[in-house]
Protein backbone atom coordinates (compact mmCIF):
# COMPACT_ATOMS: atom_id res chain seq x y z
CA UNK A 1 3.47 5.65 15.72
CA UNK A 2 0.90 4.95 13.04
CA UNK A 3 1.08 1.78 10.95
CA UNK A 4 -0.75 2.34 7.62
CA UNK A 5 -1.71 -1.10 6.23
CA UNK A 6 -2.91 -1.40 2.61
CA UNK A 7 -4.33 -4.66 1.27
CA UNK A 8 -4.55 -5.05 -2.52
CA UNK A 9 -6.49 -7.25 -4.94
CA UNK A 10 -4.52 -6.94 -8.18
CA UNK A 11 -6.01 -7.94 -11.51
CA UNK A 12 -4.84 -11.38 -12.73
CA UNK A 13 -2.88 -9.75 -15.61
CA UNK A 14 -0.64 -7.73 -13.28
CA UNK A 15 2.69 -9.52 -12.90
CA UNK A 16 5.32 -9.54 -10.22
CA UNK A 17 7.57 -7.09 -12.09
CA UNK A 18 4.77 -4.47 -12.23
CA UNK A 19 4.04 -4.92 -8.56
CA UNK A 20 7.72 -4.58 -7.65
CA UNK A 21 7.97 -1.35 -9.65
CA UNK A 22 5.01 0.09 -7.74
CA UNK A 23 6.48 -1.03 -4.42
CA UNK A 24 9.83 0.53 -5.28
CA UNK A 25 8.06 3.84 -6.03
CA UNK A 26 6.28 3.66 -2.69
CA UNK A 27 9.53 2.83 -0.89
CA UNK A 28 11.14 5.91 -2.42
CA UNK A 29 8.61 8.04 -0.51
CA UNK A 30 10.73 7.34 2.57
CA UNK A 31 13.33 9.78 1.25
CA UNK A 32 10.68 12.25 0.14
CA UNK A 33 8.54 12.60 3.28
CA UNK A 34 10.19 13.20 6.63
CA UNK A 35 8.84 10.98 9.38
CA UNK A 36 8.34 7.77 7.42
CA UNK A 37 10.03 5.19 9.64
CA UNK A 38 9.61 2.05 7.56
CA UNK A 39 8.03 0.58 4.41
CA UNK A 40 7.39 -3.13 3.84
CA UNK A 41 5.40 -5.21 1.38
CA UNK A 42 4.40 -8.83 1.46
CA UNK A 43 2.23 -11.49 -0.15
CA UNK A 44 -0.72 -12.75 1.88
CA UNK A 45 -0.13 -16.38 2.80
CA UNK A 46 -3.29 -16.89 4.80
CA UNK A 47 -4.97 -20.26 4.43
CA UNK A 48 -8.38 -18.73 5.19
CA UNK A 49 -9.05 -18.41 1.47
CA UNK A 50 -12.78 -17.49 1.69
CA UNK A 51 -11.96 -14.66 4.11
CA UNK A 52 -9.05 -13.37 2.05
CA UNK A 53 -11.37 -12.46 -0.84
CA UNK A 54 -8.38 -12.31 -3.22
CA UNK A 55 -6.57 -9.60 -1.23
CA UNK A 56 -3.30 -11.36 -1.89
CA UNK A 57 -0.83 -8.48 -1.65
CA UNK A 58 -0.19 -5.88 1.02
CA UNK A 59 2.14 -3.10 2.05
CA UNK A 60 2.52 -0.86 5.04
CA UNK A 61 4.20 2.30 6.16
CA UNK A 62 5.19 3.16 9.69
CA UNK A 63 4.74 6.87 10.32
CA UNK A 64 6.19 8.74 13.29
CA UNK A 65 2.73 10.12 14.02
CA UNK A 66 -0.64 10.98 12.52
CA UNK A 67 0.71 14.24 11.15
CA UNK A 68 3.22 12.41 8.98
CA UNK A 69 0.45 10.07 7.83
CA UNK A 70 -1.66 13.08 6.84
CA UNK A 71 1.28 14.64 4.95
CA UNK A 72 1.69 11.34 3.08
CA UNK A 73 -2.01 11.17 2.21
CA UNK A 74 -1.97 14.72 0.74
CA UNK A 75 1.35 14.35 -1.07
CA UNK A 76 1.02 14.63 -4.85
CA UNK A 77 3.71 12.00 -5.48
CA UNK A 78 1.92 9.52 -3.24
CA UNK A 79 -1.39 10.29 -4.91
CA UNK A 80 0.10 9.69 -8.35
CA UNK A 81 1.51 6.30 -7.29
CA UNK A 82 -1.80 5.45 -5.63
CA UNK A 83 -3.63 6.25 -8.87
CA UNK A 84 -1.31 3.90 -10.81
CA UNK A 85 -1.98 1.18 -8.25
CA UNK A 86 -5.78 1.61 -8.38
CA UNK A 87 -5.62 1.28 -12.18
CA UNK A 88 -4.16 -2.21 -11.75
CA UNK A 89 -6.62 -3.47 -9.11
CA UNK A 90 -9.61 -5.71 -9.66
CA UNK A 91 -12.57 -3.34 -9.39
CA UNK A 92 -10.43 -0.19 -9.12
CA UNK A 93 -10.88 1.37 -5.71
CA UNK A 94 -12.91 -1.67 -4.60
CA UNK A 95 -9.67 -3.65 -4.83
CA UNK A 96 -8.02 -1.84 -1.93
CA UNK A 97 -8.59 -1.98 1.82
CA UNK A 98 -6.77 0.42 4.14
CA UNK A 99 -6.40 0.22 7.90
CA UNK A 100 -4.41 2.49 10.21
CA UNK A 101 -3.46 1.39 13.70
CA UNK A 102 -1.54 2.98 16.54
CA UNK A 103 1.53 0.92 17.44
């Protein structure tokens, strides 16, 4: 299984409702791409503020395997949602950090 972790640094003007809409769109990918096992999103509650560097939001997908992850990455619906997210991040693409791990 591949866990795809995405850490986000939203601009200050992006509110909870906008974030929730984006997360709902991401969650809907579970019904669109076979092999997505789970989707979750959370706020970062770390007390290590200097190390957090304002990456205060995160989400993750659990994929059955790397092939499903690769399908997700190439999927046009995912790419459109990702583009909308990047538009709302501090520094655009510099406001996202991605990490994939085998679980």
